[in-house]
Every structure is written in structure tokens, then in C-alpha cells.
Amino acid sequence: MSYVVSANLTLVCSSLTMTIGSRLPLDTSESSSDAAWSSSQDDPSGGIQKLRGGAELKVSGAETVLTQDKISCLPSPFTSKTPEAIDCSYIRTYRDNETSQRTVDPPAKPEIREVFGRKNNLDIPQYVFVNHYCYEKYVHWFAKFFPYLVVIHTMIFMVASSFWFKFPGTSSKLDLFVTILGKCFDSPWTTRALSEVSEERGEEKLVSWRRNTMSKDSTDRRAEDEEASVLLLRSSSVKSNPEKKLPEIQSPASVLDKKEGEQAKALFEKVKKFRTHVEEADLLYVMYVLQTSLKVFKFLVIIIYTSVLVPNIEIIVRCYIPPELTGFDIYCCNHNKAHLFSKLAYCYICFVGVYGILCIYTLYWQFHRPLKEYSFEQVRLETGINDIPDVKNDFAFLLHLVDQYDALYSKRFAVFLSEVSESHLHQLNLNYVWTAKKLRTRLASNARNRLELHLSMLPGLPDTVCEIVEVESLKLEQLKNVTIPSSVAKLDSLRELSLVFCPVKLQLSALNHFKAHLKVLCLDFESLEEVPIWMYSLHSLEELHLSGPLANEVSKSATLDSLRELKALRVLCLHCDLTKIPPSVVDVALQLQRLCIHNEGVKLQAFSSLKKLTSLVSLEVVGCELERIPSAVFSLINMQELDLKDNKLSTVEEILSLQHCHRLVTLKLWNNKITYIPDHISKLHTLETLDVSWNKLRKLPSRLFYCTKLRHLDVSHNQLTSLPPEVGILQGLQFFSAAFNSLESLPDELFSCKRIKTLALGNNCLSDISCRVGNLAQLVRLEVKGNRLESLPVEIGDCPLLNLSGLIVEDNLRDLLPSDVRSRLTNR
């Protein structure tokens, strides 16, 4: 029994030692066991000897437990009809006064006599029976089971302390957090990010110190010297920044290699996923509170009932035995381990008291501080990384626990919560992949015949783009987190920028470069918020193309900020769902020459702003569901081109009013529902190009051909059955298309238009072609495929500029031509 008690108290002391040693809410009980294991590994022979000695001690202790009795009883020499009147107190107080007043010197005449013991005439089995009977019935249960209670309470404390390390819902989160925390602490990227911020803050302090020093010195100078010093300071600061940032672009290769960059990128992803998974719940916090509350409750229970029951551990126990069994009815028993148990119980109360105080402090710490919220305000001030977000719930609770251990872990871990730091790392990895040599393979000419670099669906903009000095157009499509650096100033030839669903931020020097050099800007966006503010400050911009919704959630009408700063804007194209023209278009009325509105089937209703665009030369109103020509168009006296395609025009009676547009040269009305053209179209004397294809015209008015300056006439994809002979009036006609109609014959006057270069008559009902086709001396292309022709006139060979590739006809008709005609067409 002594060995059991010793072992149990050893377990309690070790548990309390681990708890007291931690001194913090974190559980670090593994440190002592690790130290013991490491010591045994360092000295194997010594460890074996310790184990061997421990085993011998355990064996001897077990022998002691087996050989010793729990209680020893003797019959009382007194008896009474009322046994309660007899107790064994005389045994406790026997010679107490004499032992307390014991003298050092022995008596002068000691009295010594022989004493003969009283015999009880009891056998050994009777003593054994009495001992066991009295122990089981008259020894208090607390004195008997105290060692086992210690073991049970110790096990409960151990389970309560380590339950969340074993519970699947919490252990996985804790293990993952500890793993990620260690990797973030040791990552080279953490050191690099913090050192860069420290260098930048140091430079800012140096600049501010210089400014303060110069400002103090300048107070003693005259006003002229003060102004000169300010200008000098500004010029020096502008020069210093590029010099500082130029080596930064090349330094990462020597500080952080590609493998470390990929590892840091993976850490950012792990931290982001872990935060999303942990921050949405508070299971860890609740579990920690519950287990701490359980330990505090357990501590109070132990202290209360142990303090109450410890006096029941008595050394002398009175026992009643039926006199028929042994002849005695009262026995006085000695509890052999009562004295030891009593002292150990008081020690146990002290140990549990210390442990309970720590648990109460932990519980106070949990409720006194907002552990479900964690602010990185101090870290943001110390590191200068201002976008580190505050966290909540279990994620915040874990960081509070880490701070109790070492606040440096949270500080280094915060680097991986910063989006700026992540974008910087992505930029570094991007530069490793997209070298200048690889980017040059992407160069190609665009529709404006500019050398264009097209980058699509990249995680960012490589810094190496600024090394392609020959690029003239930069197109970025669906790139993420793009910030154009100041080094873009190296691209002296850059004139065009296209951003397709790609929000872009600019550094100040990059903005200044674009203000001076950028001529064309094309933006494709999904919401008005994606339109960059810096767009409105590009002084040298000549063309602006916007594609996306210009209406916000508050106001359904299209809104644009003021375009007043765009002094050089000449072309404005809006591929948007507009109900009215944005009022800000009037800000560029004096210099705007071309306005394009592509509405994609949304009806445009208000045109009042058009009247103020007096300098407008070209107007395109496409897909706006127009049913009539807007009256505001007629006030544009400088307009030369009007394009109203893809609308719902059924009549063009208002065409007479276009005569006020004295400079109108081009009129495009194709893909509408026009059924006829009024005769007063002849009033448009300056008209050179007319496109009325893809309508529902059944005939052409003869007055149409009195527009004698027409050079381009397209009436294809209609329902025409004949052409008026007045077509011969158009002696300047160079392009004529009447394809996809129902023409059965052609007037001979058509072939008197000797300047025709392209004649498209395919997919009609023509049965023959006049032999006067040979009069078309400038004919380059002739389309007659899809008719009812049986043969071609041999006079086709008299067209000096027509070759076999420009003759669009069925192969069998081409083969019917005489061989000399075919040879002439082939050799041209």
C-alpha cells in the first residue's frame, strides 16, 4: 500500500509540476519528457541503470505491500453494558505527559521490575478475521480509498488538460496551426519582407530628418534662398526614388531563390485556407473554456471534500465484534498507514491548491480579455505593413495563445496575412517565369499596325515588361492585382494601352509618363467601379474606348466623371447599355471629332447632348433600337459620316433634313427595316458613300442617282427586281453591289460607269451579262456567281485590269470561256 500511495503522489506531483512550470495558459508538458528522453539517449548506460534501480525499488515496494497488514487489532480489557461509553482514547493519551516532559538525565534510583503480559487466548485466524472485519466496517472510507481518489483525480486533470489535443474536431486544427506557424517563422520570405519594410521606414526617417534640418536652416535665410532649397529638395527626392528601386528589381535573385519563392507561395495559400476554415467557428475557444471550467470545478470539489474528510483518517479505530466469536466485544485497532496518509493528504491539498490558482487565473484571463478578436494594430505600426487584417473567433484565440508564449511568432506570422506581401511574392515568382526573352516572343502587330504585347490571364504584370522598350501597344487581359510600376517610363514608344477586365493601379511616376505619352486607351470592365480614376487625368489621350456598364446600382442612368482634363481627346467609343448619352461627353465638345455608341440592343432615348458636339465629324449610333433618325443629328453641321446600322429604322423621311449637314460624305443605314428611300435624298449633293444593304427595299428611286458624287453604293441583301436606267448618271461610281436580290436584268447604262472597280451582282436571277461589260476599263472584281447564266461574254477579256482571281463565277462558266480569253485573264 505504501508503494501505491507513493506512485500516485509521484504522478500528482509530476502533473502539478508540468502545470506550474508552464505558468501560462499554454500546455507545454511535453518539454520535461523530451528532456528525459534526450538525457537517456545521451547516456544509455546511465539510463539502463536508472531503470534497473527503479525496477528493484518497485519489487521491494510490492513485497512490503504483500507482507504488511492494513490494520492491527487487540481486545479491550474493559467491558460495559453500554459499549459506546468505552473508547480507545487511553491508548492515544498513554504517557503523553511523560514523553513531553522527558528529562535528559536518567533518574538516580530507577525502579525496574519484570512484567508478565496478559494473554487473550485468541488464535491467529481469529486475529486475522478481526483485523479484516474491523478494517472493512469501522475504518472510514476516505482513509481506505484516499490513494485511489488521488489517482482518479489526477487522471481527470490529465484528460481535461489534453482533451482538445485528442478530440478530432480540435486536434487537427491545432496540429495544422502549429505546423504552419513554425514554417512561417522559419520562412526566408518572412525575413525578407520585414527587412524590406525596415529599410523603407529607415529611408523615410532619413528623408524626414533631412527635411526638418533643411527647414530649420532655411528660417535664417531670405525668401529667395528658401524657395531654392525647396526646389532642390524636391528634385533630389524625385531622383532618389528610382535609384532606390532599380536595384530592388534585381536583388531578389540573390536573396530568395525560385524554390523558396514557391514554398512561400504555398504557405500563403495554406494560411489563407486555414484562416477561412478556422475563423468561421469558435470550437477551440469553447473547448478551452469548458476544460478550464471543469478543472476549476474539480479543484473546488477536491479542496472542499478533502479538507472536510481528512480528520477522518484516524490512527486508533474502535471496533465492535460479537462476543460469541472471540469472547471480547470491543477491540482497539491501529491503522498502520493513517499517519502517512494524513500528512500526504495535506500535501495533496497544497499541490491541488496551487494548480487550482493557476486554473482560476487562466479562467480569469479567458473572460477578462476579448480572446475572440485579435488586432494586429501594434504589428502594423512596428512593421509598416498596413494591410494586415484583424481576425476573429478561433483564429484570434490561437494567436492570443501564441502571444502568451512568444509574441514574435504572431509578428512573423502576420506577414503571411498581408495581401501586399503576397502580391510582392507573386510578382517575384512571376519575374522568374516571364523573362524578357519569353515576352518578346509574344510581340505582334495589331489592327492599328502597332507592335503589341498581349498578356492574358496572368497572376500579375511581370516587371520584365518594362525591358521591352520597342513595344508600342500593351494589352492586358484578365490579369489580377496589376500595379504598373514607375519603370514603365522606359517604354518611350508605348502609345496604346488596352485593359480587358483588368483593374490596374498606377504608381505616380507611371501616371506622369502616361499623361505625357499615352494616345489610345481601351477599357473593358464589368462594373462602373472598375473604371480607373487616373483615366480622367490623361492630358495627351486622343482615343478612349469604353466597353461595359456605365450605370451604377444607385442611378440607373449612365454616369461618367468629368472629361474636362482630356484636352486632346478626339475619339470616344462607348460600347455600353445606355439610355441616354452621358452628360460628361459635353466636356470634350470642342475637340471631340468622332463619337461611337454601340448599345447592343438597348434603346437609346435622349439625344439632347448631341446638339452641343459642334466639332463632331463622325457619328456612329449602332444597336440603339432607333425607329427614326434623331433630330439632334441634323444640327451637326460639321458631320461628315453618319452610321445608323443595326437599328429598327423603317422609314427615312427625315433624310431631307440631312441637307443641313453640308459636309456629309458617308451615310450608312444597313441592317435596318427600311422599305423605301424618299426622292428627296437627291438633296444630299455631297454624299459619296451610301450603304442601305440588309433592308427591305423593293425598288430604288431614280432621284437617288442624282447624288452625282456617289462613289460607293451598296444595295445588296434587299428585294430589288430591277435597277433604274438613271444609274448611268453616276460617272464617279467605283463600288456597286446589288448582290442577294432578285434582279433579272441589268440596264445597259450601268456599264457606262467606266470608273467602276468592283461590281457585285451575285445571287440574283440574271440570265446573261451585257457585252458592254468590256467598257469597264477599271474593273478589278466582278461577282456574278449564283445566277442563271449559261455563258459569259467574251468581252470580259477586254477589261484590262480584271484577272482570273477577280472573276467570281462558277467553274463551269469559267471553263466555257475561249482559251485566249482565259489566258489573258490568267496572265494579268
Foldseek 3Di string as FASTA:
>chain_A
DVVLLVVLVVLLVLVLCQLVVVLALDRDSVPVVVVVVVVCVVPVVVVVVVVVVVVVVVVVVVVVVVPDAQKFKDFDPDDDPDCVVDDDVCVVCPCPVVVVPDDDDDDPDDDDDDDDDDDQPDDPVVRVVVSVVCCVPFQDPCLVCVSVVSNVLSVLLVCLSCVLCPPVVRVVLVVLVVVLLVCLLPQLLLVVLLVVLVVVVVVVVVLVVVVVVLVVVCVPDDPVVNVVVVVVSVVVVVVVVVVVCVVVLVPCVVRPPLVSLVVLLVSLVSVVVSQVVQQVAQVVLVSSLVSLVVLLVSLVVLLVVLVVCLVSLDQWTWAADPCVSRVGGIMIMGRPCSVVSSVVSVVSNVSSVVSSVSSVVNNCVSVVDQQQKADCVVLCVSRVLPQQDITGHPVSNVLVSVVSVPNVSVSSVSCSRRPVSSVVSLQSSVCVVDALVNQVVQWDADPVRFTEGEDEDGQEDHPNVLVPQRHAEYEYYNYHPYEDELSVLSNQNHAYYEYAQYQYHYDPNRLVSQLVHHAYYAYHHAALVSPDPSVLQNQNYAEYHYAYEQADPVGRAGEDPANLNNQRHAYYAYNYQHQEDYLNVLSRLVRHAEYHYNNQQHAHDDDVSLLSNQNYAEYHDANRQDQEDDPSVLNNQNYAEYAYAHYAHQAHPVLLSVLSNVNHAYYHYDHYAHAAHDLSNLSNLNYAEYHHDHYAYAAYDLSNLNSQNHAYYEHDHYAYAAYDLSVLSNLNHAYYAHDHYAHADYDPSNLNSQNHAEYHHDQYAYAADDLSVLSNQNHAAYHHANYNYPEYHLSVLSRQNYAPVRYHYDPVRLVPHDPVSNVSRHVD
